[in-house]
Amino acid sequence: MKRFFIFGCFLTTLFVACSKTSNQNPQNKLPLTGKWTLTETLADPGDGSGKWTAVSRQNYFYLRLNTDFTAESNYIQFSVLEKYSVINDTTISFLFQNGSSKTYNYRIDNTSLKITGGCYEACGAKFIPASQ
């Protein structure tokens, strides 16, 4: 009987210790929805030399992700957006007005939103929250 009690305590400790916890503080993470301003782009010519580069027209290109999953943008890569869907914590899919869709990787933190992928070589766009 004592063995079952010890084994039960061990299992309880194991389940409590292995329960899912979040390492992220949601207060420090920006929401995905809202208006974002493009600040940097990444384009690799195919040799791995691509680097994030500041855009020359600050506060001009934007991406808006609405709470009803509609989207709009004047940035060429996303200029004919219609809707978006969040696949998981790192993947987002955009539906374009012509019916095509594309899946991208994204990362959001307390200062920016980075969207990468969709190209044969490394490419991406970095956005910050727009001041409205």
N, C-alpha and C. Protein backbone atom coordinates (compact mmCIF):
# COMPACT_ATOMS: atom_id res chain seq x y z
N MET A 1 0.82 -1.18 0.00
CA MET A 1 0.00 0.00 0.00
C MET A 1 0.87 1.26 0.00
N LYS A 2 1.97 1.21 0.75
CA LYS A 2 2.86 2.35 0.82
C LYS A 2 3.49 2.63 -0.55
N ARG A 3 3.78 1.57 -1.32
CA ARG A 3 4.35 1.73 -2.65
C ARG A 3 3.38 2.46 -3.58
N PHE A 4 2.09 2.10 -3.48
CA PHE A 4 1.09 2.77 -4.32
C PHE A 4 0.98 4.24 -3.97
N PHE A 5 1.07 4.56 -2.68
CA PHE A 5 1.00 5.94 -2.25
C PHE A 5 2.20 6.73 -2.78
N ILE A 6 3.39 6.16 -2.67
CA ILE A 6 4.60 6.82 -3.16
C ILE A 6 4.54 6.97 -4.67
N PHE A 7 4.09 5.91 -5.35
CA PHE A 7 3.95 5.97 -6.81
C PHE A 7 2.93 7.04 -7.21
N GLY A 8 1.82 7.14 -6.50
CA GLY A 8 0.80 8.16 -6.77
C GLY A 8 1.35 9.56 -6.57
N CYS A 9 2.13 9.75 -5.51
CA CYS A 9 2.76 11.06 -5.26
C CYS A 9 3.73 11.40 -6.38
N PHE A 10 4.49 10.40 -6.83
CA PHE A 10 5.43 10.61 -7.93
C PHE A 10 4.70 11.03 -9.20
N LEU A 11 3.61 10.32 -9.54
CA LEU A 11 2.84 10.67 -10.74
C LEU A 11 2.23 12.06 -10.65
N THR A 12 1.71 12.40 -9.49
CA THR A 12 1.14 13.73 -9.30
C THR A 12 2.21 14.80 -9.48
N THR A 13 3.37 14.60 -8.90
CA THR A 13 4.47 15.54 -9.06
C THR A 13 4.89 15.65 -10.51
N LEU A 14 4.95 14.52 -11.19
CA LEU A 14 5.33 14.50 -12.60
C LEU A 14 4.33 15.29 -13.45
N PHE A 15 3.04 15.08 -13.24
CA PHE A 15 2.03 15.78 -14.03
C PHE A 15 2.03 17.27 -13.74
N VAL A 16 2.21 17.65 -12.50
CA VAL A 16 2.24 19.07 -12.15
C VAL A 16 3.48 19.72 -12.74
N ALA A 17 4.62 19.06 -12.66
CA ALA A 17 5.86 19.61 -13.18
C ALA A 17 5.85 19.72 -14.69
N CYS A 18 5.15 18.83 -15.36
CA CYS A 18 5.13 18.81 -16.82
C CYS A 18 3.93 19.53 -17.42
N SER A 19 3.12 20.17 -16.59
CA SER A 19 1.96 20.85 -17.14
C SER A 19 2.41 22.00 -18.02
N LYS A 20 1.58 22.31 -19.01
CA LYS A 20 1.93 23.34 -19.99
C LYS A 20 1.92 24.71 -19.33
N THR A 21 3.05 25.40 -19.43
CA THR A 21 3.15 26.76 -18.92
C THR A 21 3.66 27.64 -20.04
N SER A 22 3.31 28.87 -19.99
CA SER A 22 3.76 29.81 -21.00
C SER A 22 4.99 30.54 -20.51
N ASN A 23 6.02 30.57 -21.33
CA ASN A 23 7.23 31.31 -21.00
C ASN A 23 7.11 32.76 -21.44
N GLN A 24 6.04 33.08 -22.13
CA GLN A 24 5.88 34.44 -22.63
C GLN A 24 4.92 35.20 -21.73
N ASN A 25 5.24 36.42 -21.49
CA ASN A 25 4.37 37.29 -20.73
C ASN A 25 3.45 37.99 -21.73
N PRO A 26 2.15 37.68 -21.73
CA PRO A 26 1.28 38.29 -22.73
C PRO A 26 1.22 39.80 -22.66
N GLN A 27 1.59 40.39 -21.53
CA GLN A 27 1.58 41.85 -21.43
C GLN A 27 2.72 42.46 -22.24
N ASN A 28 3.77 41.68 -22.53
CA ASN A 28 4.91 42.19 -23.28
C ASN A 28 4.81 41.86 -24.76
N LYS A 29 3.81 41.12 -25.16
CA LYS A 29 3.67 40.71 -26.55
C LYS A 29 2.59 41.56 -27.22
N LEU A 30 2.95 42.13 -28.35
CA LEU A 30 1.99 42.96 -29.08
C LEU A 30 0.89 42.10 -29.68
N PRO A 31 -0.31 42.64 -29.83
CA PRO A 31 -1.36 41.89 -30.52
C PRO A 31 -1.09 41.86 -32.01
N LEU A 32 -1.51 40.80 -32.68
CA LEU A 32 -1.30 40.68 -34.12
C LEU A 32 -2.20 41.64 -34.89
N THR A 33 -3.40 41.87 -34.39
CA THR A 33 -4.33 42.75 -35.10
C THR A 33 -3.94 44.20 -34.93
N GLY A 34 -4.30 44.99 -35.93
CA GLY A 34 -4.00 46.41 -35.90
C GLY A 34 -3.26 46.83 -37.15
N LYS A 35 -2.85 48.08 -37.17
CA LYS A 35 -2.12 48.61 -38.30
C LYS A 35 -0.63 48.59 -38.00
N TRP A 36 0.15 48.09 -38.97
CA TRP A 36 1.59 47.95 -38.85
C TRP A 36 2.27 48.77 -39.93
N THR A 37 3.41 49.37 -39.61
CA THR A 37 4.19 50.16 -40.56
C THR A 37 5.47 49.41 -40.90
N LEU A 38 5.77 49.30 -42.19
CA LEU A 38 6.98 48.62 -42.65
C LEU A 38 8.22 49.44 -42.29
N THR A 39 9.21 48.79 -41.66
CA THR A 39 10.45 49.49 -41.30
C THR A 39 11.68 48.88 -41.97
N GLU A 40 11.67 47.56 -42.22
CA GLU A 40 12.82 46.90 -42.82
C GLU A 40 12.36 45.78 -43.75
N THR A 41 13.21 45.48 -44.73
CA THR A 41 12.96 44.34 -45.62
C THR A 41 14.21 43.48 -45.70
N LEU A 42 14.00 42.22 -46.06
CA LEU A 42 15.09 41.28 -46.26
C LEU A 42 14.93 40.67 -47.64
N ALA A 43 15.98 40.75 -48.43
CA ALA A 43 15.99 40.11 -49.76
C ALA A 43 17.38 39.51 -49.96
N ASP A 44 17.42 38.22 -50.20
CA ASP A 44 18.69 37.54 -50.40
C ASP A 44 18.83 37.20 -51.89
N PRO A 45 19.97 37.54 -52.51
CA PRO A 45 20.15 37.26 -53.93
C PRO A 45 20.42 35.79 -54.24
N GLY A 46 20.47 34.96 -53.22
CA GLY A 46 20.69 33.54 -53.45
C GLY A 46 22.02 33.03 -52.95
N ASP A 47 22.82 33.91 -52.39
CA ASP A 47 24.13 33.49 -51.91
C ASP A 47 24.27 33.60 -50.39
N GLY A 48 23.17 33.87 -49.70
CA GLY A 48 23.20 33.98 -48.25
C GLY A 48 23.67 35.33 -47.73
N SER A 49 23.85 36.30 -48.61
CA SER A 49 24.37 37.60 -48.18
C SER A 49 23.28 38.60 -47.83
N GLY A 50 22.03 38.20 -47.90
CA GLY A 50 20.94 39.13 -47.61
C GLY A 50 20.95 39.61 -46.18
N LYS A 51 20.63 40.88 -45.99
CA LYS A 51 20.59 41.49 -44.67
C LYS A 51 19.32 42.34 -44.56
N TRP A 52 18.84 42.50 -43.33
CA TRP A 52 17.70 43.38 -43.11
C TRP A 52 18.14 44.80 -43.41
N THR A 53 17.33 45.52 -44.22
CA THR A 53 17.65 46.87 -44.65
C THR A 53 16.48 47.80 -44.34
N ALA A 54 16.77 48.95 -43.77
CA ALA A 54 15.73 49.93 -43.46
C ALA A 54 15.07 50.43 -44.75
N VAL A 55 13.76 50.64 -44.70
CA VAL A 55 13.07 51.19 -45.87
C VAL A 55 13.28 52.69 -45.92
N SER A 56 13.30 53.23 -47.12
CA SER A 56 13.58 54.66 -47.28
C SER A 56 12.36 55.53 -47.02
N ARG A 57 11.17 54.98 -47.18
CA ARG A 57 9.96 55.78 -46.99
C ARG A 57 9.26 55.37 -45.70
N GLN A 58 9.80 55.83 -44.58
CA GLN A 58 9.22 55.51 -43.28
C GLN A 58 7.76 55.95 -43.22
N ASN A 59 6.96 55.17 -42.55
CA ASN A 59 5.53 55.44 -42.34
C ASN A 59 4.72 55.50 -43.62
N TYR A 60 5.19 54.89 -44.70
CA TYR A 60 4.44 54.89 -45.95
C TYR A 60 3.76 53.55 -46.21
N PHE A 61 4.52 52.47 -46.15
CA PHE A 61 3.94 51.15 -46.40
C PHE A 61 3.33 50.60 -45.12
N TYR A 62 2.16 50.01 -45.24
CA TYR A 62 1.49 49.49 -44.05
C TYR A 62 0.86 48.13 -44.33
N LEU A 63 0.51 47.47 -43.25
CA LEU A 63 -0.24 46.21 -43.25
C LEU A 63 -1.25 46.33 -42.14
N ARG A 64 -2.53 46.12 -42.47
CA ARG A 64 -3.58 46.18 -41.45
C ARG A 64 -4.22 44.80 -41.34
N LEU A 65 -4.21 44.25 -40.14
CA LEU A 65 -4.83 42.96 -39.85
C LEU A 65 -5.99 43.22 -38.90
N ASN A 66 -7.19 43.05 -39.39
CA ASN A 66 -8.38 43.36 -38.62
C ASN A 66 -8.85 42.17 -37.78
N THR A 67 -9.62 42.45 -36.75
CA THR A 67 -10.10 41.39 -35.87
C THR A 67 -11.06 40.44 -36.56
N ASP A 68 -11.68 40.85 -37.67
CA ASP A 68 -12.58 39.96 -38.42
C ASP A 68 -11.84 39.16 -39.49
N PHE A 69 -10.52 39.15 -39.42
CA PHE A 69 -9.62 38.41 -40.32
C PHE A 69 -9.58 38.96 -41.74
N THR A 70 -10.06 40.18 -41.94
CA THR A 70 -9.82 40.85 -43.21
C THR A 70 -8.47 41.55 -43.09
N ALA A 71 -7.88 41.85 -44.25
CA ALA A 71 -6.55 42.46 -44.24
C ALA A 71 -6.42 43.41 -45.42
N GLU A 72 -5.54 44.38 -45.27
CA GLU A 72 -5.24 45.30 -46.37
C GLU A 72 -3.82 45.80 -46.23
N SER A 73 -3.24 46.20 -47.35
CA SER A 73 -1.87 46.68 -47.34
C SER A 73 -1.59 47.46 -48.62
N ASN A 74 -0.63 48.36 -48.55
CA ASN A 74 -0.14 49.03 -49.76
C ASN A 74 1.30 48.60 -50.07
N TYR A 75 1.80 47.63 -49.32
CA TYR A 75 3.13 47.07 -49.58
C TYR A 75 3.00 46.07 -50.72
N ILE A 76 3.85 46.15 -51.72
CA ILE A 76 3.71 45.40 -52.96
C ILE A 76 3.51 43.90 -52.73
N GLN A 77 4.22 43.32 -51.79
CA GLN A 77 4.11 41.89 -51.54
C GLN A 77 2.72 41.51 -51.03
N PHE A 78 2.05 42.42 -50.36
CA PHE A 78 0.73 42.14 -49.78
C PHE A 78 -0.35 43.08 -50.32
N SER A 79 -0.12 43.71 -51.47
CA SER A 79 -0.99 44.81 -51.91
C SER A 79 -2.40 44.39 -52.30
N VAL A 80 -2.65 43.15 -52.57
CA VAL A 80 -4.00 42.73 -52.94
C VAL A 80 -4.56 41.72 -51.92
N LEU A 81 -4.27 41.97 -50.67
CA LEU A 81 -4.76 41.11 -49.59
C LEU A 81 -6.25 41.22 -49.44
N GLU A 82 -6.85 40.12 -49.05
CA GLU A 82 -8.27 40.14 -48.73
C GLU A 82 -8.51 39.67 -47.30
N LYS A 83 -7.91 38.52 -46.95
CA LYS A 83 -8.10 37.95 -45.63
C LYS A 83 -6.80 37.30 -45.15
N TYR A 84 -6.79 36.98 -43.88
CA TYR A 84 -5.67 36.24 -43.31
C TYR A 84 -6.21 35.22 -42.33
N SER A 85 -5.42 34.19 -42.07
CA SER A 85 -5.74 33.24 -41.01
C SER A 85 -4.45 32.84 -40.31
N VAL A 86 -4.55 32.70 -39.01
CA VAL A 86 -3.39 32.31 -38.21
C VAL A 86 -3.43 30.79 -38.10
N ILE A 87 -2.40 30.15 -38.63
CA ILE A 87 -2.33 28.69 -38.60
C ILE A 87 -1.88 28.20 -37.22
N ASN A 88 -0.82 28.81 -36.71
CA ASN A 88 -0.32 28.50 -35.37
C ASN A 88 0.52 29.68 -34.88
N ASP A 89 1.30 29.49 -33.85
CA ASP A 89 2.09 30.59 -33.25
C ASP A 89 3.19 31.12 -34.15
N THR A 90 3.48 30.44 -35.26
CA THR A 90 4.57 30.89 -36.14
C THR A 90 4.19 30.94 -37.61
N THR A 91 2.96 30.58 -37.96
CA THR A 91 2.56 30.50 -39.36
C THR A 91 1.27 31.26 -39.60
N ILE A 92 1.27 32.07 -40.65
CA ILE A 92 0.09 32.85 -41.03
C ILE A 92 -0.15 32.63 -42.53
N SER A 93 -1.40 32.62 -42.92
CA SER A 93 -1.75 32.43 -44.33
C SER A 93 -2.54 33.65 -44.80
N PHE A 94 -2.19 34.16 -45.98
CA PHE A 94 -2.89 35.29 -46.57
C PHE A 94 -3.68 34.83 -47.78
N LEU A 95 -4.91 35.29 -47.89
CA LEU A 95 -5.75 35.04 -49.06
C LEU A 95 -5.80 36.34 -49.85
N PHE A 96 -5.50 36.25 -51.13
CA PHE A 96 -5.45 37.42 -51.99
C PHE A 96 -6.74 37.57 -52.78
N GLN A 97 -6.96 38.74 -53.34
CA GLN A 97 -8.20 39.04 -54.05
C GLN A 97 -8.43 38.16 -55.26
N ASN A 98 -7.35 37.61 -55.85
CA ASN A 98 -7.52 36.73 -57.01
C ASN A 98 -7.82 35.29 -56.62
N GLY A 99 -7.98 35.02 -55.32
CA GLY A 99 -8.30 33.68 -54.84
C GLY A 99 -7.10 32.85 -54.45
N SER A 100 -5.89 33.31 -54.76
CA SER A 100 -4.69 32.55 -54.38
C SER A 100 -4.38 32.81 -52.91
N SER A 101 -3.61 31.91 -52.33
CA SER A 101 -3.19 32.10 -50.94
C SER A 101 -1.73 31.74 -50.82
N LYS A 102 -1.11 32.29 -49.80
CA LYS A 102 0.31 32.04 -49.53
C LYS A 102 0.51 31.95 -48.03
N THR A 103 1.37 31.04 -47.63
CA THR A 103 1.67 30.85 -46.22
C THR A 103 3.05 31.43 -45.90
N TYR A 104 3.13 32.11 -44.78
CA TYR A 104 4.36 32.76 -44.34
C TYR A 104 4.66 32.38 -42.90
N ASN A 105 5.89 32.55 -42.51
CA ASN A 105 6.28 32.45 -41.11
C ASN A 105 6.18 33.84 -40.52
N TYR A 106 5.81 33.91 -39.26
CA TYR A 106 5.79 35.21 -38.60
C TYR A 106 6.29 35.07 -37.17
N ARG A 107 6.78 36.18 -36.67
CA ARG A 107 7.21 36.26 -35.28
C ARG A 107 6.80 37.63 -34.76
N ILE A 108 6.16 37.62 -33.63
CA ILE A 108 5.72 38.88 -33.03
C ILE A 108 6.29 38.93 -31.62
N ASP A 109 6.78 40.11 -31.23
CA ASP A 109 7.29 40.27 -29.88
C ASP A 109 6.83 41.61 -29.34
N ASN A 110 7.54 42.15 -28.39
CA ASN A 110 7.08 43.40 -27.77
C ASN A 110 7.44 44.64 -28.58
N THR A 111 8.12 44.48 -29.74
CA THR A 111 8.47 45.67 -30.53
C THR A 111 8.11 45.56 -32.00
N SER A 112 7.96 44.36 -32.54
CA SER A 112 7.78 44.26 -33.99
C SER A 112 7.07 42.98 -34.42
N LEU A 113 6.70 42.97 -35.69
CA LEU A 113 6.14 41.82 -36.38
C LEU A 113 7.03 41.54 -37.57
N LYS A 114 7.61 40.34 -37.64
CA LYS A 114 8.43 39.94 -38.78
C LYS A 114 7.69 38.85 -39.54
N ILE A 115 7.55 39.06 -40.84
CA ILE A 115 6.94 38.08 -41.72
C ILE A 115 7.99 37.65 -42.72
N THR A 116 8.27 36.36 -42.79
CA THR A 116 9.30 35.84 -43.68
C THR A 116 8.75 34.69 -44.51
N GLY A 117 9.44 34.43 -45.61
CA GLY A 117 9.06 33.31 -46.47
C GLY A 117 8.29 33.79 -47.69
N GLY A 118 7.83 32.82 -48.46
CA GLY A 118 7.09 33.15 -49.67
C GLY A 118 7.97 33.40 -50.87
N CYS A 119 9.28 33.22 -50.73
CA CYS A 119 10.23 33.46 -51.81
C CYS A 119 11.12 32.22 -51.96
N TYR A 120 11.78 32.11 -53.11
CA TYR A 120 12.72 31.02 -53.28
C TYR A 120 13.93 31.20 -52.38
N GLU A 121 14.39 32.42 -52.24
CA GLU A 121 15.50 32.74 -51.35
C GLU A 121 14.94 33.44 -50.12
N ALA A 122 15.79 33.69 -49.14
CA ALA A 122 15.34 34.35 -47.92
C ALA A 122 14.78 35.73 -48.23
N CYS A 123 13.60 36.02 -47.68
CA CYS A 123 13.01 37.34 -47.84
C CYS A 123 12.09 37.59 -46.65
N GLY A 124 11.80 38.85 -46.40
CA GLY A 124 10.94 39.16 -45.28
C GLY A 124 10.63 40.63 -45.18
N ALA A 125 9.71 40.91 -44.27
CA ALA A 125 9.30 42.28 -43.99
C ALA A 125 9.15 42.43 -42.47
N LYS A 126 9.67 43.54 -41.96
CA LYS A 126 9.57 43.83 -40.53
C LYS A 126 8.69 45.06 -40.35
N PHE A 127 7.70 44.93 -39.47
CA PHE A 127 6.74 45.99 -39.22
C PHE A 127 6.77 46.36 -37.74
N ILE A 128 6.43 47.61 -37.46
CA ILE A 128 6.22 48.07 -36.09
C ILE A 128 4.80 48.61 -36.01
N PRO A 129 4.23 48.69 -34.80
CA PRO A 129 2.88 49.25 -34.70
C PRO A 129 2.83 50.66 -35.26
N ALA A 130 1.81 50.94 -36.05
CA ALA A 130 1.66 52.27 -36.65
C ALA A 130 1.13 53.24 -35.62
N SER A 131 1.64 54.44 -35.65
CA SER A 131 1.08 55.48 -34.80
C SER A 131 -0.10 56.07 -35.57
N GLN A 132 -1.26 56.03 -34.98
CA GLN A 132 -2.47 56.41 -35.72
C GLN A 132 -2.98 57.74 -35.37
